[in-house]
């Protein structure tokens, strides 16, 4: 399990994060951790609210906070 990132946030696959996108507070589940970003799975209502074609988005480590789900 990859939990290493340069921002020193301890995030792992399966964790829930919150972030701002297009003026909305969004929450999603981490599906991949990369060096400077995470791939996040959003629920369908959030995807539609943000006008995304799918439910996966990329978030920089500097732009989210880990939440308890």
PDB file of N, CA and C in Angstrom:
ATOM      1  N   UNK A   1       0.851  -1.181   0.000  1.00  0.00           N
ATOM      2  CA  UNK A   1       0.000   0.000   0.000  1.00  0.00           C
ATOM      3  C   UNK A   1       0.892   1.237   0.000  1.00  0.00           C
ATOM      4  N   UNK A   2       0.660   2.135  -0.927  1.00  0.00           N
ATOM      5  CA  UNK A   2       1.469   3.334  -1.045  1.00  0.00           C
ATOM      6  C   UNK A   2       0.877   4.435  -0.176  1.00  0.00           C
ATOM      7  N   UNK A   3       1.650   4.896   0.794  1.00  0.00           N
ATOM      8  CA  UNK A   3       1.191   5.986   1.660  1.00  0.00           C
ATOM      9  C   UNK A   3       2.181   7.137   1.668  1.00  0.00           C
ATOM     10  N   UNK A   4       3.189   7.098   0.797  1.00  0.00           N
ATOM     11  CA  UNK A   4       4.245   8.102   0.797  1.00  0.00           C
ATOM     12  C   UNK A   4       3.900   9.236  -0.152  1.00  0.00           C
ATOM     13  N   UNK A   5       4.032  10.471   0.323  1.00  0.00           N
ATOM     14  CA  UNK A   5       3.910  11.619  -0.558  1.00  0.00           C
ATOM     15  C   UNK A   5       4.701  12.773   0.027  1.00  0.00           C
ATOM     16  N   UNK A   6       5.144  13.712  -0.800  1.00  0.00           N
ATOM     17  CA  UNK A   6       6.039  14.769  -0.333  1.00  0.00           C
ATOM     18  C   UNK A   6       5.416  15.777   0.605  1.00  0.00           C
ATOM     19  N   UNK A   7       4.093  15.843   0.699  1.00  0.00           N
ATOM     20  CA  UNK A   7       3.461  16.822   1.585  1.00  0.00           C
ATOM     21  C   UNK A   7       3.382  16.323   3.023  1.00  0.00           C
ATOM     22  N   UNK A   8       3.839  15.092   3.263  1.00  0.00           N
ATOM     23  CA  UNK A   8       3.813  14.464   4.579  1.00  0.00           C
ATOM     24  C   UNK A   8       2.411  14.136   5.073  1.00  0.00           C
ATOM     25  N   UNK A   9       1.423  14.166   4.193  1.00  0.00           N
ATOM     26  CA  UNK A   9       0.096  13.704   4.573  1.00  0.00           C
ATOM     27  C   UNK A   9       0.120  12.192   4.509  1.00  0.00           C
ATOM     28  N   UNK A  10      -0.433  11.561   5.480  1.00  0.00           N
ATOM     29  CA  UNK A  10      -0.518  10.105   5.487  1.00  0.00           C
ATOM     30  C   UNK A  10      -1.875   9.709   4.943  1.00  0.00           C
ATOM     31  N   UNK A  11      -1.900   9.377   3.676  1.00  0.00           N
ATOM     32  CA  UNK A  11      -3.137   8.975   3.020  1.00  0.00           C
ATOM     33  C   UNK A  11      -2.888   7.621   2.358  1.00  0.00           C
ATOM     34  N   UNK A  12      -3.912   6.796   2.343  1.00  0.00           N
ATOM     35  CA  UNK A  12      -3.791   5.458   1.767  1.00  0.00           C
ATOM     36  C   UNK A  12      -5.034   5.162   0.941  1.00  0.00           C
ATOM     37  N   UNK A  13      -4.909   4.184   0.071  1.00  0.00           N
ATOM     38  CA  UNK A  13      -6.051   3.737  -0.719  1.00  0.00           C
ATOM     39  C   UNK A  13      -7.177   3.346   0.247  1.00  0.00           C
ATOM     40  N   UNK A  14      -8.363   3.832  -0.030  1.00  0.00           N
ATOM     41  CA  UNK A  14      -9.520   3.558   0.819  1.00  0.00           C
ATOM     42  C   UNK A  14      -9.860   4.691   1.766  1.00  0.00           C
ATOM     43  N   UNK A  15      -8.920   5.623   1.992  1.00  0.00           N
ATOM     44  CA  UNK A  15      -9.198   6.784   2.850  1.00  0.00           C
ATOM     45  C   UNK A  15     -10.169   7.726   2.149  1.00  0.00           C
ATOM     46  N   UNK A  16     -10.913   8.488   2.944  1.00  0.00           N
ATOM     47  CA  UNK A  16     -11.821   9.503   2.427  1.00  0.00           C
ATOM     48  C   UNK A  16     -11.172  10.862   2.592  1.00  0.00           C
ATOM     49  N   UNK A  17     -11.303  11.709   1.564  1.00  0.00           N
ATOM     50  CA  UNK A  17     -10.746  13.057   1.616  1.00  0.00           C
ATOM     51  C   UNK A  17     -11.811  14.072   1.231  1.00  0.00           C
ATOM     52  N   UNK A  18     -11.590  15.322   1.662  1.00  0.00           N
ATOM     53  CA  UNK A  18     -12.436  16.445   1.269  1.00  0.00           C
ATOM     54  C   UNK A  18     -11.564  17.453   0.550  1.00  0.00           C
ATOM     55  N   UNK A  19     -12.153  18.112  -0.459  1.00  0.00           N
ATOM     56  CA  UNK A  19     -11.417  19.101  -1.233  1.00  0.00           C
ATOM     57  C   UNK A  19     -12.408  20.066  -1.878  1.00  0.00           C
ATOM     58  N   UNK A  20     -11.918  21.219  -2.291  1.00  0.00           N
ATOM     59  CA  UNK A  20     -12.732  22.213  -2.977  1.00  0.00           C
ATOM     60  C   UNK A  20     -12.575  22.025  -4.479  1.00  0.00           C
ATOM     61  N   UNK A  21     -13.695  22.080  -5.208  1.00  0.00           N
ATOM     62  CA  UNK A  21     -13.635  21.991  -6.658  1.00  0.00           C
ATOM     63  C   UNK A  21     -14.784  22.801  -7.231  1.00  0.00           C
ATOM     64  N   UNK A  22     -14.466  23.741  -8.093  1.00  0.00           N
ATOM     65  CA  UNK A  22     -15.481  24.579  -8.761  1.00  0.00           C
ATOM     66  C   UNK A  22     -16.422  25.248  -7.769  1.00  0.00           C
ATOM     67  N   UNK A  23     -15.883  25.696  -6.640  1.00  0.00           N
ATOM     68  CA  UNK A  23     -16.692  26.380  -5.638  1.00  0.00           C
ATOM     69  C   UNK A  23     -17.522  25.473  -4.757  1.00  0.00           C
ATOM     70  N   UNK A  24     -17.349  24.176  -4.862  1.00  0.00           N
ATOM     71  CA  UNK A  24     -18.109  23.208  -4.074  1.00  0.00           C
ATOM     72  C   UNK A  24     -17.167  22.387  -3.191  1.00  0.00           C
ATOM     73  N   UNK A  25     -17.639  22.028  -2.026  1.00  0.00           N
ATOM     74  CA  UNK A  25     -16.922  21.097  -1.156  1.00  0.00           C
ATOM     75  C   UNK A  25     -17.237  19.691  -1.640  1.00  0.00           C
ATOM     76  N   UNK A  26     -16.207  18.930  -1.966  1.00  0.00           N
ATOM     77  CA  UNK A  26     -16.412  17.570  -2.466  1.00  0.00           C
ATOM     78  C   UNK A  26     -15.729  16.575  -1.547  1.00  0.00           C
ATOM     79  N   UNK A  27     -16.265  15.357  -1.523  1.00  0.00           N
ATOM     80  CA  UNK A  27     -15.689  14.285  -0.723  1.00  0.00           C
ATOM     81  C   UNK A  27     -15.616  13.046  -1.588  1.00  0.00           C
ATOM     82  N   UNK A  28     -14.510  12.309  -1.459  1.00  0.00           N
ATOM     83  CA  UNK A  28     -14.373  11.099  -2.246  1.00  0.00           C
ATOM     84  C   UNK A  28     -13.413  10.122  -1.595  1.00  0.00           C
ATOM     85  N   UNK A  29     -13.365   8.937  -2.181  1.00  0.00           N
ATOM     86  CA  UNK A  29     -12.545   7.841  -1.671  1.00  0.00           C
ATOM     87  C   UNK A  29     -11.285   7.707  -2.521  1.00  0.00           C
ATOM     88  N   UNK A  30     -10.120   7.647  -1.872  1.00  0.00           N
ATOM     89  CA  UNK A  30      -8.845   7.526  -2.566  1.00  0.00           C
ATOM     90  C   UNK A  30      -8.743   6.136  -3.188  1.00  0.00           C
ATOM     91  N   UNK A  31      -8.450   6.097  -4.506  1.00  0.00           N
ATOM     92  CA  UNK A  31      -8.290   4.817  -5.192  1.00  0.00           C
ATOM     93  C   UNK A  31      -6.847   4.567  -5.609  1.00  0.00           C
ATOM     94  N   UNK A  32      -6.034   5.627  -5.735  1.00  0.00           N
ATOM     95  CA  UNK A  32      -4.618   5.500  -6.076  1.00  0.00           C
ATOM     96  C   UNK A  32      -3.854   6.645  -5.443  1.00  0.00           C
ATOM     97  N   UNK A  33      -2.687   6.348  -4.883  1.00  0.00           N
ATOM     98  CA  UNK A  33      -1.811   7.378  -4.323  1.00  0.00           C
ATOM     99  C   UNK A  33      -0.595   7.477  -5.227  1.00  0.00           C
ATOM    100  N   UNK A  34      -0.311   8.687  -5.693  1.00  0.00           N
ATOM    101  CA  UNK A  34       0.867   8.942  -6.524  1.00  0.00           C
ATOM    102  C   UNK A  34       1.779   9.912  -5.798  1.00  0.00           C
ATOM    103  N   UNK A  35       2.905  10.245  -6.423  1.00  0.00           N
ATOM    104  CA  UNK A  35       3.901  11.083  -5.763  1.00  0.00           C
ATOM    105  C   UNK A  35       3.349  12.448  -5.362  1.00  0.00           C
ATOM    106  N   UNK A  36       2.620  13.107  -6.245  1.00  0.00           N
ATOM    107  CA  UNK A  36       2.124  14.443  -5.918  1.00  0.00           C
ATOM    108  C   UNK A  36       0.606  14.562  -5.967  1.00  0.00           C
ATOM    109  N   UNK A  37      -0.089  13.464  -6.270  1.00  0.00           N
ATOM    110  CA  UNK A  37      -1.545  13.509  -6.390  1.00  0.00           C
ATOM    111  C   UNK A  37      -2.175  12.217  -5.888  1.00  0.00           C
ATOM    112  N   UNK A  38      -3.486  12.266  -5.758  1.00  0.00           N
ATOM    113  CA  UNK A  38      -4.274  11.060  -5.507  1.00  0.00           C
ATOM    114  C   UNK A  38      -5.391  11.015  -6.542  1.00  0.00           C
ATOM    115  N   UNK A  39      -5.779   9.821  -6.931  1.00  0.00           N
ATOM    116  CA  UNK A  39      -6.972   9.628  -7.747  1.00  0.00           C
ATOM    117  C   UNK A  39      -8.106   9.329  -6.789  1.00  0.00           C
ATOM    118  N   UNK A  40      -9.224  10.014  -6.994  1.00  0.00           N
ATOM    119  CA  UNK A  40     -10.336   9.955  -6.059  1.00  0.00           C
ATOM    120  C   UNK A  40     -11.602   9.534  -6.799  1.00  0.00           C
ATOM    121  N   UNK A  41     -12.336   8.609  -6.187  1.00  0.00           N
ATOM    122  CA  UNK A  41     -13.629   8.185  -6.716  1.00  0.00           C
ATOM    123  C   UNK A  41     -14.722   8.981  -6.014  1.00  0.00           C
ATOM    124  N   UNK A  42     -15.521   9.677  -6.808  1.00  0.00           N
ATOM    125  CA  UNK A  42     -16.635  10.468  -6.281  1.00  0.00           C
ATOM    126  C   UNK A  42     -17.929   9.684  -6.416  1.00  0.00           C
ATOM    127  N   UNK A  43     -18.930  10.031  -5.584  1.00  0.00           N
ATOM    128  CA  UNK A  43     -20.242   9.420  -5.781  1.00  0.00           C
ATOM    129  C   UNK A  43     -20.924  10.101  -6.967  1.00  0.00           C
ATOM    130  N   UNK A  44     -21.960   9.476  -7.510  1.00  0.00           N
ATOM    131  CA  UNK A  44     -22.616   9.992  -8.723  1.00  0.00           C
ATOM    132  C   UNK A  44     -23.209  11.391  -8.545  1.00  0.00           C
ATOM    133  N   UNK A  45     -23.877  11.679  -7.407  1.00  0.00           N
ATOM    134  CA  UNK A  45     -24.416  13.040  -7.245  1.00  0.00           C
ATOM    135  C   UNK A  45     -23.317  14.122  -7.275  1.00  0.00           C
ATOM    136  N   UNK A  46     -22.174  13.829  -6.664  1.00  0.00           N
ATOM    137  CA  UNK A  46     -21.080  14.805  -6.675  1.00  0.00           C
ATOM    138  C   UNK A  46     -20.519  14.958  -8.083  1.00  0.00           C
ATOM    139  N   UNK A  47     -20.378  13.866  -8.805  1.00  0.00           N
ATOM    140  CA  UNK A  47     -19.901  13.924 -10.193  1.00  0.00           C
ATOM    141  C   UNK A  47     -20.817  14.785 -11.050  1.00  0.00           C
ATOM    142  N   UNK A  48     -22.120  14.610 -10.875  1.00  0.00           N
ATOM    143  CA  UNK A  48     -23.085  15.404 -11.647  1.00  0.00           C
ATOM    144  C   UNK A  48     -23.049  16.871 -11.232  1.00  0.00           C
ATOM    145  N   UNK A  49     -22.940  17.137  -9.935  1.00  0.00           N
ATOM    146  CA  UNK A  49     -22.857  18.510  -9.445  1.00  0.00           C
ATOM    147  C   UNK A  49     -21.659  19.228 -10.051  1.00  0.00           C
ATOM    148  N   UNK A  50     -20.531  18.529 -10.148  1.00  0.00           N
ATOM    149  CA  UNK A  50     -19.316  19.114 -10.703  1.00  0.00           C
ATOM    150  C   UNK A  50     -19.274  19.049 -12.228  1.00  0.00           C
ATOM    151  N   UNK A  51     -20.310  18.440 -12.833  1.00  0.00           N
ATOM    152  CA  UNK A  51     -20.429  18.318 -14.286  1.00  0.00           C
ATOM    153  C   UNK A  51     -19.290  17.511 -14.895  1.00  0.00           C
ATOM    154  N   UNK A  52     -18.931  16.413 -14.219  1.00  0.00           N
ATOM    155  CA  UNK A  52     -17.901  15.500 -14.719  1.00  0.00           C
ATOM    156  C   UNK A  52     -18.557  14.402 -15.546  1.00  0.00           C
ATOM    157  N   UNK A  53     -17.826  13.923 -16.536  1.00  0.00           N
ATOM    158  CA  UNK A  53     -18.342  12.824 -17.361  1.00  0.00           C
ATOM    159  C   UNK A  53     -18.194  11.479 -16.658  1.00  0.00           C
ATOM    160  N   UNK A  54     -17.243  11.377 -15.732  1.00  0.00           N
ATOM    161  CA  UNK A  54     -17.071  10.132 -14.972  1.00  0.00           C
ATOM    162  C   UNK A  54     -16.904  10.474 -13.499  1.00  0.00           C
ATOM    163  N   UNK A  55     -16.664   9.470 -12.672  1.00  0.00           N
ATOM    164  CA  UNK A  55     -16.624   9.709 -11.228  1.00  0.00           C
ATOM    165  C   UNK A  55     -15.213   9.630 -10.645  1.00  0.00           C
ATOM    166  N   UNK A  56     -14.175   9.754 -11.478  1.00  0.00           N
ATOM    167  CA  UNK A  56     -12.795   9.747 -11.003  1.00  0.00           C
ATOM    168  C   UNK A  56     -12.175  11.109 -11.278  1.00  0.00           C
ATOM    169  N   UNK A  57     -11.457  11.655 -10.292  1.00  0.00           N
ATOM    170  CA  UNK A  57     -10.756  12.921 -10.481  1.00  0.00           C
ATOM    171  C   UNK A  57      -9.396  12.851  -9.797  1.00  0.00           C
ATOM    172  N   UNK A  58      -8.519  13.776 -10.157  1.00  0.00           N
ATOM    173  CA  UNK A  58      -7.174  13.862  -9.601  1.00  0.00           C
ATOM    174  C   UNK A  58      -7.116  15.063  -8.664  1.00  0.00           C
ATOM    175  N   UNK A  59      -6.519  14.870  -7.478  1.00  0.00           N
ATOM    176  CA  UNK A  59      -6.394  15.953  -6.502  1.00  0.00           C
ATOM    177  C   UNK A  59      -4.942  16.005  -6.028  1.00  0.00           C
ATOM    178  N   UNK A  60      -4.348  17.192  -6.064  1.00  0.00           N
ATOM    179  CA  UNK A  60      -2.993  17.383  -5.578  1.00  0.00           C
ATOM    180  C   UNK A  60      -2.964  17.221  -4.063  1.00  0.00           C
ATOM    181  N   UNK A  61      -1.853  16.696  -3.543  1.00  0.00           N
ATOM    182  CA  UNK A  61      -1.738  16.494  -2.092  1.00  0.00           C
ATOM    183  C   UNK A  61      -1.928  17.793  -1.297  1.00  0.00           C
ATOM    184  N   UNK A  62      -1.633  18.929  -1.898  1.00  0.00           N
ATOM    185  CA  UNK A  62      -1.769  20.210  -1.204  1.00  0.00           C
ATOM    186  C   UNK A  62      -3.220  20.655  -1.078  1.00  0.00           C
ATOM    187  N   UNK A  63      -4.126  19.995  -1.803  1.00  0.00           N
ATOM    188  CA  UNK A  63      -5.481  20.515  -1.926  1.00  0.00           C
ATOM    189  C   UNK A  63      -6.574  19.686  -1.271  1.00  0.00           C
ATOM    190  N   UNK A  64      -6.247  18.841  -0.316  1.00  0.00           N
ATOM    191  CA  UNK A  64      -7.281  18.047   0.352  1.00  0.00           C
ATOM    192  C   UNK A  64      -6.962  17.872   1.815  1.00  0.00           C
ATOM    193  N   UNK A  65      -7.954  17.421   2.549  1.00  0.00           N
ATOM    194  CA  UNK A  65      -7.747  17.000   3.938  1.00  0.00           C
ATOM    195  C   UNK A  65      -8.386  15.632   4.110  1.00  0.00           C
ATOM    196  N   UNK A  66      -7.753  14.806   4.921  1.00  0.00           N
ATOM    197  CA  UNK A  66      -8.244  13.456   5.193  1.00  0.00           C
ATOM    198  C   UNK A  66      -9.372  13.555   6.213  1.00  0.00           C
ATOM    199  N   UNK A  67     -10.460  12.834   5.972  1.00  0.00           N
ATOM    200  CA  UNK A  67     -11.604  12.848   6.886  1.00  0.00           C
ATOM    201  C   UNK A  67     -11.885  11.421   7.355  1.00  0.00           C
ATOM    202  N   UNK A  68     -12.540  11.320   8.482  1.00  0.00           N
ATOM    203  CA  UNK A  68     -12.974  10.010   8.988  1.00  0.00           C
ATOM    204  C   UNK A  68     -14.315   9.682   8.368  1.00  0.00           C
ATOM    205  N   UNK A  69     -14.426   8.509   7.835  1.00  0.00           N
ATOM    206  CA  UNK A  69     -15.686   8.109   7.209  1.00  0.00           C
ATOM    207  C   UNK A  69     -16.289   6.955   7.957  1.00  0.00           C
TER     208      UNK A  69
END
